[in-house]
Amino acid sequence: MSTIESDINATDIEWTRVRNDINGNPRFVCHFTDLESFNERFHARVHMTLPERYARAVAAANKLGGRRYHNKRFGGGIVFQAYECQLADIARRIRASIDGDRA
């Protein structure tokens, strides 16, 4: 596994490269809390439990092709089948979706 630093993608999300899917497409994983904006993260800590926050992040990620990612090494992750150039756009769209759900 390799980690892609946030400066490359112009976001503050740490993407981790995992094994390709069965068809050879690249996959990247991030922690669900990275998908929340700073303001939303503060609001959620006060008003929501951790499982509720995770369910909300997974629901927003599902709209863009993200899936839950569970294993011993990476708990609370969401996996995307995408190329590196698409990661910043995915993060921006998910944050907009999560922020819009609260409004």
PDB file of N, CA and C in Angstrom:
ATOM      1  N   MET A   1       0.837  -1.173   0.000  1.00  0.00           N
ATOM      2  CA  MET A   1       0.000   0.000   0.000  1.00  0.00           C
ATOM      3  C   MET A   1       0.882   1.236   0.000  1.00  0.00           C
ATOM      4  N   SER A   2       0.446   2.232  -0.692  1.00  0.00           N
ATOM      5  CA  SER A   2       1.164   3.497  -0.685  1.00  0.00           C
ATOM      6  C   SER A   2       0.182   4.610  -0.333  1.00  0.00           C
ATOM      7  N   THR A   3       0.701   5.642   0.293  1.00  0.00           N
ATOM      8  CA  THR A   3      -0.129   6.757   0.702  1.00  0.00           C
ATOM      9  C   THR A   3       0.147   7.942  -0.203  1.00  0.00           C
ATOM     10  N   ILE A   4      -0.902   8.596  -0.646  1.00  0.00           N
ATOM     11  CA  ILE A   4      -0.782   9.780  -1.475  1.00  0.00           C
ATOM     12  C   ILE A   4      -1.012  10.976  -0.580  1.00  0.00           C
ATOM     13  N   GLU A   5      -0.066  11.874  -0.549  1.00  0.00           N
ATOM     14  CA  GLU A   5      -0.167  13.027   0.333  1.00  0.00           C
ATOM     15  C   GLU A   5      -1.219  13.999  -0.162  1.00  0.00           C
ATOM     16  N   SER A   6      -1.741  14.780   0.775  1.00  0.00           N
ATOM     17  CA  SER A   6      -2.839  15.684   0.469  1.00  0.00           C
ATOM     18  C   SER A   6      -2.436  16.824  -0.455  1.00  0.00           C
ATOM     19  N   ASP A   7      -1.179  17.234  -0.464  1.00  0.00           N
ATOM     20  CA  ASP A   7      -0.750  18.349  -1.314  1.00  0.00           C
ATOM     21  C   ASP A   7      -0.934  18.035  -2.789  1.00  0.00           C
ATOM     22  N   ILE A   8      -0.780  16.790  -3.162  1.00  0.00           N
ATOM     23  CA  ILE A   8      -0.914  16.401  -4.558  1.00  0.00           C
ATOM     24  C   ILE A   8      -2.341  16.625  -5.039  1.00  0.00           C
ATOM     25  N   ASN A   9      -3.311  16.333  -4.189  1.00  0.00           N
ATOM     26  CA  ASN A   9      -4.714  16.393  -4.586  1.00  0.00           C
ATOM     27  C   ASN A   9      -5.398  17.702  -4.212  1.00  0.00           C
ATOM     28  N   ALA A  10      -4.671  18.621  -3.623  1.00  0.00           N
ATOM     29  CA  ALA A  10      -5.218  19.913  -3.210  1.00  0.00           C
ATOM     30  C   ALA A  10      -6.384  19.745  -2.233  1.00  0.00           C
ATOM     31  N   THR A  11      -6.342  18.708  -1.423  1.00  0.00           N
ATOM     32  CA  THR A  11      -7.335  18.491  -0.372  1.00  0.00           C
ATOM     33  C   THR A  11      -6.589  18.109   0.892  1.00  0.00           C
ATOM     34  N   ASP A  12      -7.286  18.028   1.995  1.00  0.00           N
ATOM     35  CA  ASP A  12      -6.650  17.590   3.230  1.00  0.00           C
ATOM     36  C   ASP A  12      -7.002  16.143   3.552  1.00  0.00           C
ATOM     37  N   ILE A  13      -7.275  15.372   2.543  1.00  0.00           N
ATOM     38  CA  ILE A  13      -7.622  13.965   2.703  1.00  0.00           C
ATOM     39  C   ILE A  13      -6.400  13.116   2.403  1.00  0.00           C
ATOM     40  N   GLU A  14      -6.150  12.144   3.257  1.00  0.00           N
ATOM     41  CA  GLU A  14      -5.054  11.224   3.022  1.00  0.00           C
ATOM     42  C   GLU A  14      -5.608   9.979   2.320  1.00  0.00           C
ATOM     43  N   TRP A  15      -5.319   9.843   1.065  1.00  0.00           N
ATOM     44  CA  TRP A  15      -5.765   8.702   0.269  1.00  0.00           C
ATOM     45  C   TRP A  15      -4.715   7.602   0.337  1.00  0.00           C
ATOM     46  N   THR A  16      -5.157   6.375   0.517  1.00  0.00           N
ATOM     47  CA  THR A  16      -4.263   5.229   0.555  1.00  0.00           C
ATOM     48  C   THR A  16      -4.583   4.315  -0.614  1.00  0.00           C
ATOM     49  N   ARG A  17      -3.569   3.992  -1.388  1.00  0.00           N
ATOM     50  CA  ARG A  17      -3.753   3.112  -2.540  1.00  0.00           C
ATOM     51  C   ARG A  17      -3.805   1.676  -2.044  1.00  0.00           C
ATOM     52  N   VAL A  18      -4.815   0.926  -2.473  1.00  0.00           N
ATOM     53  CA  VAL A  18      -4.949  -0.482  -2.130  1.00  0.00           C
ATOM     54  C   VAL A  18      -4.914  -1.299  -3.419  1.00  0.00           C
ATOM     55  N   ARG A  19      -5.001  -2.599  -3.292  1.00  0.00           N
ATOM     56  CA  ARG A  19      -4.930  -3.471  -4.466  1.00  0.00           C
ATOM     57  C   ARG A  19      -6.015  -3.115  -5.471  1.00  0.00           C
ATOM     58  N   ASN A  20      -5.682  -3.317  -6.739  1.00  0.00           N
ATOM     59  CA  ASN A  20      -6.653  -3.083  -7.806  1.00  0.00           C
ATOM     60  C   ASN A  20      -7.834  -4.030  -7.671  1.00  0.00           C
ATOM     61  N   ASP A  21      -8.957  -3.650  -8.268  1.00  0.00           N
ATOM     62  CA  ASP A  21     -10.107  -4.541  -8.249  1.00  0.00           C
ATOM     63  C   ASP A  21      -9.875  -5.701  -9.214  1.00  0.00           C
ATOM     64  N   ILE A  22     -10.843  -6.564  -9.352  1.00  0.00           N
ATOM     65  CA  ILE A  22     -10.698  -7.767 -10.156  1.00  0.00           C
ATOM     66  C   ILE A  22     -10.451  -7.464 -11.637  1.00  0.00           C
ATOM     67  N   ASN A  23     -10.866  -6.282 -12.082  1.00  0.00           N
ATOM     68  CA  ASN A  23     -10.671  -5.887 -13.478  1.00  0.00           C
ATOM     69  C   ASN A  23      -9.406  -5.063 -13.686  1.00  0.00           C
ATOM     70  N   GLY A  24      -8.635  -4.845 -12.642  1.00  0.00           N
ATOM     71  CA  GLY A  24      -7.389  -4.099 -12.755  1.00  0.00           C
ATOM     72  C   GLY A  24      -7.520  -2.603 -12.576  1.00  0.00           C
ATOM     73  N   ASN A  25      -8.674  -2.132 -12.170  1.00  0.00           N
ATOM     74  CA  ASN A  25      -8.879  -0.692 -11.961  1.00  0.00           C
ATOM     75  C   ASN A  25      -8.287  -0.279 -10.617  1.00  0.00           C
ATOM     76  N   PRO A  26      -7.681   0.902 -10.546  1.00  0.00           N
ATOM     77  CA  PRO A  26      -7.080   1.356  -9.285  1.00  0.00           C
ATOM     78  C   PRO A  26      -8.141   1.695  -8.246  1.00  0.00           C
ATOM     79  N   ARG A  27      -7.789   1.466  -6.980  1.00  0.00           N
ATOM     80  CA  ARG A  27      -8.697   1.778  -5.873  1.00  0.00           C
ATOM     81  C   ARG A  27      -7.949   2.562  -4.811  1.00  0.00           C
ATOM     82  N   PHE A  28      -8.665   3.516  -4.199  1.00  0.00           N
ATOM     83  CA  PHE A  28      -8.109   4.343  -3.150  1.00  0.00           C
ATOM     84  C   PHE A  28      -9.074   4.361  -1.969  1.00  0.00           C
ATOM     85  N   VAL A  29      -8.499   4.385  -0.759  1.00  0.00           N
ATOM     86  CA  VAL A  29      -9.289   4.377   0.470  1.00  0.00           C
ATOM     87  C   VAL A  29      -8.953   5.631   1.276  1.00  0.00           C
ATOM     88  N   CYS A  30      -9.979   6.192   1.919  1.00  0.00           N
ATOM     89  CA  CYS A  30      -9.762   7.279   2.881  1.00  0.00           C
ATOM     90  C   CYS A  30     -10.634   6.999   4.097  1.00  0.00           C
ATOM     91  N   HIS A  31     -10.311   7.626   5.201  1.00  0.00           N
ATOM     92  CA  HIS A  31     -11.117   7.476   6.404  1.00  0.00           C
ATOM     93  C   HIS A  31     -12.349   8.360   6.279  1.00  0.00           C
ATOM     94  N   PHE A  32     -13.464   7.900   6.795  1.00  0.00           N
ATOM     95  CA  PHE A  32     -14.716   8.626   6.602  1.00  0.00           C
ATOM     96  C   PHE A  32     -14.699  10.018   7.225  1.00  0.00           C
ATOM     97  N   THR A  33     -13.951  10.234   8.292  1.00  0.00           N
ATOM     98  CA  THR A  33     -13.916  11.558   8.908  1.00  0.00           C
ATOM     99  C   THR A  33     -13.194  12.580   8.030  1.00  0.00           C
ATOM    100  N   ASP A  34     -12.340  12.112   7.135  1.00  0.00           N
ATOM    101  CA  ASP A  34     -11.662  13.024   6.208  1.00  0.00           C
ATOM    102  C   ASP A  34     -12.629  13.622   5.194  1.00  0.00           C
ATOM    103  N   LEU A  35     -13.748  12.976   4.977  1.00  0.00           N
ATOM    104  CA  LEU A  35     -14.711  13.452   3.983  1.00  0.00           C
ATOM    105  C   LEU A  35     -15.611  14.557   4.520  1.00  0.00           C
ATOM    106  N   GLU A  36     -15.595  14.763   5.829  1.00  0.00           N
ATOM    107  CA  GLU A  36     -16.405  15.828   6.419  1.00  0.00           C
ATOM    108  C   GLU A  36     -15.628  17.138   6.394  1.00  0.00           C
ATOM    109  N   SER A  37     -16.300  18.223   6.098  1.00  0.00           N
ATOM    110  CA  SER A  37     -15.648  19.533   6.161  1.00  0.00           C
ATOM    111  C   SER A  37     -15.398  19.883   7.623  1.00  0.00           C
ATOM    112  N   PHE A  38     -14.566  20.882   7.855  1.00  0.00           N
ATOM    113  CA  PHE A  38     -14.236  21.263   9.227  1.00  0.00           C
ATOM    114  C   PHE A  38     -15.479  21.680  10.006  1.00  0.00           C
ATOM    115  N   ASN A  39     -16.324  22.512   9.413  1.00  0.00           N
ATOM    116  CA  ASN A  39     -17.542  22.968  10.096  1.00  0.00           C
ATOM    117  C   ASN A  39     -18.489  21.806  10.362  1.00  0.00           C
ATOM    118  N   GLU A  40     -18.609  20.912   9.391  1.00  0.00           N
ATOM    119  CA  GLU A  40     -19.493  19.764   9.555  1.00  0.00           C
ATOM    120  C   GLU A  40     -18.954  18.810  10.612  1.00  0.00           C
ATOM    121  N   ARG A  41     -17.656  18.647  10.666  1.00  0.00           N
ATOM    122  CA  ARG A  41     -17.040  17.777  11.669  1.00  0.00           C
ATOM    123  C   ARG A  41     -17.324  18.304  13.071  1.00  0.00           C
ATOM    124  N   PHE A  42     -17.237  19.610  13.270  1.00  0.00           N
ATOM    125  CA  PHE A  42     -17.528  20.207  14.575  1.00  0.00           C
ATOM    126  C   PHE A  42     -19.000  20.008  14.933  1.00  0.00           C
ATOM    127  N   HIS A  43     -19.901  20.268  13.984  1.00  0.00           N
ATOM    128  CA  HIS A  43     -21.335  20.107  14.223  1.00  0.00           C
ATOM    129  C   HIS A  43     -21.661  18.646  14.544  1.00  0.00           C
ATOM    130  N   ALA A  44     -21.055  17.716  13.809  1.00  0.00           N
ATOM    131  CA  ALA A  44     -21.362  16.298  13.996  1.00  0.00           C
ATOM    132  C   ALA A  44     -20.865  15.790  15.346  1.00  0.00           C
ATOM    133  N   ARG A  45     -19.741  16.280  15.814  1.00  0.00           N
ATOM    134  CA  ARG A  45     -19.228  15.834  17.113  1.00  0.00           C
ATOM    135  C   ARG A  45     -20.186  16.184  18.241  1.00  0.00           C
ATOM    136  N   VAL A  46     -20.895  17.275  18.088  1.00  0.00           N
ATOM    137  CA  VAL A  46     -21.809  17.724  19.124  1.00  0.00           C
ATOM    138  C   VAL A  46     -23.156  17.016  19.029  1.00  0.00           C
ATOM    139  N   HIS A  47     -23.645  16.788  17.807  1.00  0.00           N
ATOM    140  CA  HIS A  47     -25.018  16.341  17.620  1.00  0.00           C
ATOM    141  C   HIS A  47     -25.195  14.912  17.117  1.00  0.00           C
ATOM    142  N   MET A  48     -24.125  14.216  16.755  1.00  0.00           N
ATOM    143  CA  MET A  48     -24.280  12.881  16.169  1.00  0.00           C
ATOM    144  C   MET A  48     -23.323  11.891  16.817  1.00  0.00           C
ATOM    145  N   THR A  49     -23.733  10.609  16.832  1.00  0.00           N
ATOM    146  CA  THR A  49     -22.838   9.566  17.305  1.00  0.00           C
ATOM    147  C   THR A  49     -21.906   9.162  16.167  1.00  0.00           C
ATOM    148  N   LEU A  50     -20.865   8.447  16.499  1.00  0.00           N
ATOM    149  CA  LEU A  50     -19.897   8.016  15.497  1.00  0.00           C
ATOM    150  C   LEU A  50     -20.526   7.105  14.437  1.00  0.00           C
ATOM    151  N   PRO A  51     -21.364   6.123  14.813  1.00  0.00           N
ATOM    152  CA  PRO A  51     -22.014   5.302  13.779  1.00  0.00           C
ATOM    153  C   PRO A  51     -22.933   6.113  12.855  1.00  0.00           C
ATOM    154  N   GLU A  52     -23.571   7.140  13.391  1.00  0.00           N
ATOM    155  CA  GLU A  52     -24.419   7.990  12.546  1.00  0.00           C
ATOM    156  C   GLU A  52     -23.580   8.772  11.543  1.00  0.00           C
ATOM    157  N   ARG A  53     -22.437   9.265  11.997  1.00  0.00           N
ATOM    158  CA  ARG A  53     -21.540   9.995  11.099  1.00  0.00           C
ATOM    159  C   ARG A  53     -21.022   9.076   9.995  1.00  0.00           C
ATOM    160  N   TYR A  54     -20.664   7.837  10.370  1.00  0.00           N
ATOM    161  CA  TYR A  54     -20.157   6.876   9.389  1.00  0.00           C
ATOM    162  C   TYR A  54     -21.231   6.529   8.360  1.00  0.00           C
ATOM    163  N   ALA A  55     -22.446   6.294   8.821  1.00  0.00           N
ATOM    164  CA  ALA A  55     -23.550   5.968   7.910  1.00  0.00           C
ATOM    165  C   ALA A  55     -23.825   7.115   6.943  1.00  0.00           C
ATOM    166  N   ARG A  56     -23.752   8.345   7.438  1.00  0.00           N
ATOM    167  CA  ARG A  56     -23.978   9.506   6.578  1.00  0.00           C
ATOM    168  C   ARG A  56     -22.881   9.635   5.526  1.00  0.00           C
ATOM    169  N   ALA A  57     -21.627   9.406   5.921  1.00  0.00           N
ATOM    170  CA  ALA A  57     -20.512   9.492   4.972  1.00  0.00           C
ATOM    171  C   ALA A  57     -20.591   8.381   3.928  1.00  0.00           C
ATOM    172  N   VAL A  58     -20.972   7.183   4.335  1.00  0.00           N
ATOM    173  CA  VAL A  58     -21.101   6.072   3.389  1.00  0.00           C
ATOM    174  C   VAL A  58     -22.246   6.340   2.419  1.00  0.00           C
ATOM    175  N   ALA A  59     -23.347   6.869   2.905  1.00  0.00           N
ATOM    176  CA  ALA A  59     -24.478   7.181   2.023  1.00  0.00           C
ATOM    177  C   ALA A  59     -24.084   8.223   0.979  1.00  0.00           C
ATOM    178  N   ALA A  60     -23.338   9.237   1.390  1.00  0.00           N
ATOM    179  CA  ALA A  60     -22.882  10.253   0.438  1.00  0.00           C
ATOM    180  C   ALA A  60     -21.882   9.660  -0.551  1.00  0.00           C
ATOM    181  N   ALA A  61     -21.013   8.776  -0.086  1.00  0.00           N
ATOM    182  CA  ALA A  61     -20.013   8.159  -0.959  1.00  0.00           C
ATOM    183  C   ALA A  61     -20.648   7.185  -1.939  1.00  0.00           C
ATOM    184  N   ASN A  62     -21.709   6.509  -1.520  1.00  0.00           N
ATOM    185  CA  ASN A  62     -22.384   5.561  -2.410  1.00  0.00           C
ATOM    186  C   ASN A  62     -22.918   6.235  -3.663  1.00  0.00           C
ATOM    187  N   LYS A  63     -23.316   7.493  -3.540  1.00  0.00           N
ATOM    188  CA  LYS A  63     -23.828   8.225  -4.704  1.00  0.00           C
ATOM    189  C   LYS A  63     -22.765   8.414  -5.767  1.00  0.00           C
ATOM    190  N   LEU A  64     -21.483   8.391  -5.358  1.00  0.00           N
ATOM    191  CA  LEU A  64     -20.371   8.585  -6.284  1.00  0.00           C
ATOM    192  C   LEU A  64     -19.562   7.314  -6.517  1.00  0.00           C
ATOM    193  N   GLY A  65     -20.103   6.175  -6.111  1.00  0.00           N
ATOM    194  CA  GLY A  65     -19.428   4.906  -6.354  1.00  0.00           C
ATOM    195  C   GLY A  65     -18.552   4.423  -5.224  1.00  0.00           C
ATOM    196  N   GLY A  66     -18.561   5.085  -4.089  1.00  0.00           N
ATOM    197  CA  GLY A  66     -17.774   4.656  -2.938  1.00  0.00           C
ATOM    198  C   GLY A  66     -18.467   3.530  -2.192  1.00  0.00           C
ATOM    199  N   ARG A  67     -17.676   2.691  -1.574  1.00  0.00           N
ATOM    200  CA  ARG A  67     -18.209   1.560  -0.812  1.00  0.00           C
ATOM    201  C   ARG A  67     -17.495   1.486   0.533  1.00  0.00           C
ATOM    202  N   ARG A  68     -18.116   0.811   1.481  1.00  0.00           N
ATOM    203  CA  ARG A  68     -17.482   0.563   2.769  1.00  0.00           C
ATOM    204  C   ARG A  68     -16.231  -0.268   2.547  1.00  0.00           C
ATOM    205  N   TYR A  69     -15.230  -0.022   3.362  1.00  0.00           N
ATOM    206  CA  TYR A  69     -13.989  -0.784   3.273  1.00  0.00           C
ATOM    207  C   TYR A  69     -13.618  -1.232   4.673  1.00  0.00           C
ATOM    208  N   HIS A  70     -13.729  -2.538   4.907  1.00  0.00           N
ATOM    209  CA  HIS A  70     -13.455  -3.100   6.221  1.00  0.00           C
ATOM    210  C   HIS A  70     -12.316  -4.107   6.111  1.00  0.00           C
ATOM    211  N   ASN A  71     -11.334  -3.955   6.910  1.00  0.00           N
ATOM    212  CA  ASN A  71     -10.321  -4.978   7.124  1.00  0.00           C
ATOM    213  C   ASN A  71      -9.602  -4.663   8.425  1.00  0.00           C
ATOM    214  N   LYS A  72      -8.682  -5.512   8.832  1.00  0.00           N
ATOM    215  CA  LYS A  72      -8.017  -5.298  10.120  1.00  0.00           C
ATOM    216  C   LYS A  72      -7.134  -4.066  10.124  1.00  0.00           C
ATOM    217  N   ARG A  73      -6.582  -3.740   8.979  1.00  0.00           N
ATOM    218  CA  ARG A  73      -5.626  -2.635   8.926  1.00  0.00           C
ATOM    219  C   ARG A  73      -6.287  -1.268   8.784  1.00  0.00           C
ATOM    220  N   PHE A  74      -7.455  -1.213   8.202  1.00  0.00           N
ATOM    221  CA  PHE A  74      -8.063   0.080   7.882  1.00  0.00           C
ATOM    222  C   PHE A  74      -9.536   0.041   8.272  1.00  0.00           C
ATOM    223  N   GLY A  75      -9.855   0.432   9.493  1.00  0.00           N
ATOM    224  CA  GLY A  75     -11.241   0.471   9.933  1.00  0.00           C
ATOM    225  C   GLY A  75     -11.874   1.818   9.643  1.00  0.00           C
ATOM    226  N   GLY A  76     -13.154   1.826   9.315  1.00  0.00           N
ATOM    227  CA  GLY A  76     -13.861   3.075   9.053  1.00  0.00           C
ATOM    228  C   GLY A  76     -13.525   3.698   7.725  1.00  0.00           C
ATOM    229  N   GLY A  77     -13.081   2.890   6.785  1.00  0.00           N
ATOM    230  CA  GLY A  77     -12.671   3.414   5.496  1.00  0.00           C
ATOM    231  C   GLY A  77     -13.768   3.360   4.446  1.00  0.00           C
ATOM    232  N   ILE A  78     -13.584   4.187   3.431  1.00  0.00           N
ATOM    233  CA  ILE A  78     -14.457   4.186   2.268  1.00  0.00           C
ATOM    234  C   ILE A  78     -13.556   4.064   1.050  1.00  0.00           C
ATOM    235  N   VAL A  79     -13.873   3.118   0.182  1.00  0.00           N
ATOM    236  CA  VAL A  79     -13.026   2.833  -0.979  1.00  0.00           C
ATOM    237  C   VAL A  79     -13.691   3.356  -2.249  1.00  0.00           C
ATOM    238  N   PHE A  80     -12.865   3.888  -3.141  1.00  0.00           N
ATOM    239  CA  PHE A  80     -13.333   4.393  -4.431  1.00  0.00           C
ATOM    240  C   PHE A  80     -12.502   3.769  -5.535  1.00  0.00           C
ATOM    241  N   GLN A  81     -13.161   3.418  -6.607  1.00  0.00           N
ATOM    242  CA  GLN A  81     -12.466   2.974  -7.808  1.00  0.00           C
ATOM    243  C   GLN A  81     -12.265   4.221  -8.660  1.00  0.00           C
ATOM    244  N   ALA A  82     -11.048   4.743  -8.665  1.00  0.00           N
ATOM    245  CA  ALA A  82     -10.784   6.010  -9.345  1.00  0.00           C
ATOM    246  C   ALA A  82      -9.297   6.142  -9.627  1.00  0.00           C
ATOM    247  N   TYR A  83      -8.983   7.057 -10.508  1.00  0.00           N
ATOM    248  CA  TYR A  83      -7.592   7.407 -10.779  1.00  0.00           C
ATOM    249  C   TYR A  83      -7.217   8.597  -9.908  1.00  0.00           C
ATOM    250  N   GLU A  84      -5.911   8.809  -9.716  1.00  0.00           N
ATOM    251  CA  GLU A  84      -5.443   9.881  -8.838  1.00  0.00           C
ATOM    252  C   GLU A  84      -5.996  11.243  -9.227  1.00  0.00           C
ATOM    253  N   CYS A  85      -6.131  11.495 -10.495  1.00  0.00           N
ATOM    254  CA  CYS A  85      -6.597  12.805 -10.954  1.00  0.00           C
ATOM    255  C   CYS A  85      -8.061  13.060 -10.592  1.00  0.00           C
ATOM    256  N   GLN A  86      -8.829  12.042 -10.262  1.00  0.00           N
ATOM    257  CA  GLN A  86     -10.238  12.179  -9.941  1.00  0.00           C
ATOM    258  C   GLN A  86     -10.497  12.354  -8.443  1.00  0.00           C
ATOM    259  N   LEU A  87      -9.512  12.129  -7.601  1.00  0.00           N
ATOM    260  CA  LEU A  87      -9.725  12.099  -6.149  1.00  0.00           C
ATOM    261  C   LEU A  87     -10.147  13.446  -5.578  1.00  0.00           C
ATOM    262  N   ALA A  88      -9.548  14.535  -6.040  1.00  0.00           N
ATOM    263  CA  ALA A  88      -9.908  15.855  -5.517  1.00  0.00           C
ATOM    264  C   ALA A  88     -11.364  16.187  -5.838  1.00  0.00           C
ATOM    265  N   ASP A  89     -11.816  15.849  -7.031  1.00  0.00           N
ATOM    266  CA  ASP A  89     -13.203  16.103  -7.418  1.00  0.00           C
ATOM    267  C   ASP A  89     -14.165  15.244  -6.602  1.00  0.00           C
ATOM    268  N   ILE A  90     -13.812  14.000  -6.372  1.00  0.00           N
ATOM    269  CA  ILE A  90     -14.651  13.116  -5.556  1.00  0.00           C
ATOM    270  C   ILE A  90     -14.799  13.690  -4.146  1.00  0.00           C
ATOM    271  N   ALA A  91     -13.691  14.111  -3.550  1.00  0.00           N
ATOM    272  CA  ALA A  91     -13.743  14.674  -2.192  1.00  0.00           C
ATOM    273  C   ALA A  91     -14.605  15.926  -2.148  1.00  0.00           C
ATOM    274  N   ARG A  92     -14.456  16.795  -3.126  1.00  0.00           N
ATOM    275  CA  ARG A  92     -15.244  18.034  -3.162  1.00  0.00           C
ATOM    276  C   ARG A  92     -16.736  17.728  -3.266  1.00  0.00           C
ATOM    277  N   ARG A  93     -17.103  16.785  -4.118  1.00  0.00           N
ATOM    278  CA  ARG A  93     -18.520  16.454  -4.317  1.00  0.00           C
ATOM    279  C   ARG A  93     -19.122  15.771  -3.098  1.00  0.00           C
ATOM    280  N   ILE A  94     -18.355  14.935  -2.417  1.00  0.00           N
ATOM    281  CA  ILE A  94     -18.871  14.264  -1.220  1.00  0.00           C
ATOM    282  C   ILE A  94     -19.071  15.277  -0.093  1.00  0.00           C
ATOM    283  N   ARG A  95     -18.107  16.177   0.094  1.00  0.00           N
ATOM    284  CA  ARG A  95     -18.260  17.200   1.133  1.00  0.00           C
ATOM    285  C   ARG A  95     -19.463  18.078   0.858  1.00  0.00           C
ATOM    286  N   ALA A  96     -19.699  18.424  -0.391  1.00  0.00           N
ATOM    287  CA  ALA A  96     -20.875  19.231  -0.742  1.00  0.00           C
ATOM    288  C   ALA A  96     -22.150  18.456  -0.427  1.00  0.00           C
ATOM    289  N   SER A  97     -22.151  17.156  -0.677  1.00  0.00           N
ATOM    290  CA  SER A  97     -23.321  16.328  -0.400  1.00  0.00           C
ATOM    291  C   SER A  97     -23.577  16.222   1.103  1.00  0.00           C
ATOM    292  N   ILE A  98     -22.525  16.007   1.875  1.00  0.00           N
ATOM    293  CA  ILE A  98     -22.684  15.901   3.334  1.00  0.00           C
ATOM    294  C   ILE A  98     -23.139  17.223   3.917  1.00  0.00           C
ATOM    295  N   ASP A  99     -22.540  18.333   3.487  1.00  0.00           N
ATOM    296  CA  ASP A  99     -22.941  19.643   3.993  1.00  0.00           C
ATOM    297  C   ASP A  99     -24.378  19.968   3.601  1.00  0.00           C
ATOM    298  N   GLY A 100     -24.812  19.529   2.419  1.00  0.00           N
ATOM    299  CA  GLY A 100     -26.166  19.778   1.959  1.00  0.00           C
ATOM    300  C   GLY A 100     -27.207  18.974   2.718  1.00  0.00           C
ATOM    301  N   ASP A 101     -26.826  17.777   3.209  1.00  0.00           N
ATOM    302  CA  ASP A 101     -27.762  16.942   3.972  1.00  0.00           C
ATOM    303  C   ASP A 101     -28.137  17.585   5.290  1.00  0.00           C
ATOM    304  N   ARG A 102     -27.220  18.329   5.880  1.00  0.00           N
ATOM    305  CA  ARG A 102     -27.482  18.944   7.189  1.00  0.00           C
ATOM    306  C   ARG A 102     -28.400  20.147   7.046  1.00  0.00           C
ATOM    307  N   ALA A 103     -28.293  20.840   5.931  1.00  0.00           N
ATOM    308  CA  ALA A 103     -29.058  22.086   5.751  1.00  0.00           C
ATOM    309  C   ALA A 103     -30.539  21.841   5.629  1.00  0.00           C
TER     310      ALA A 103
END
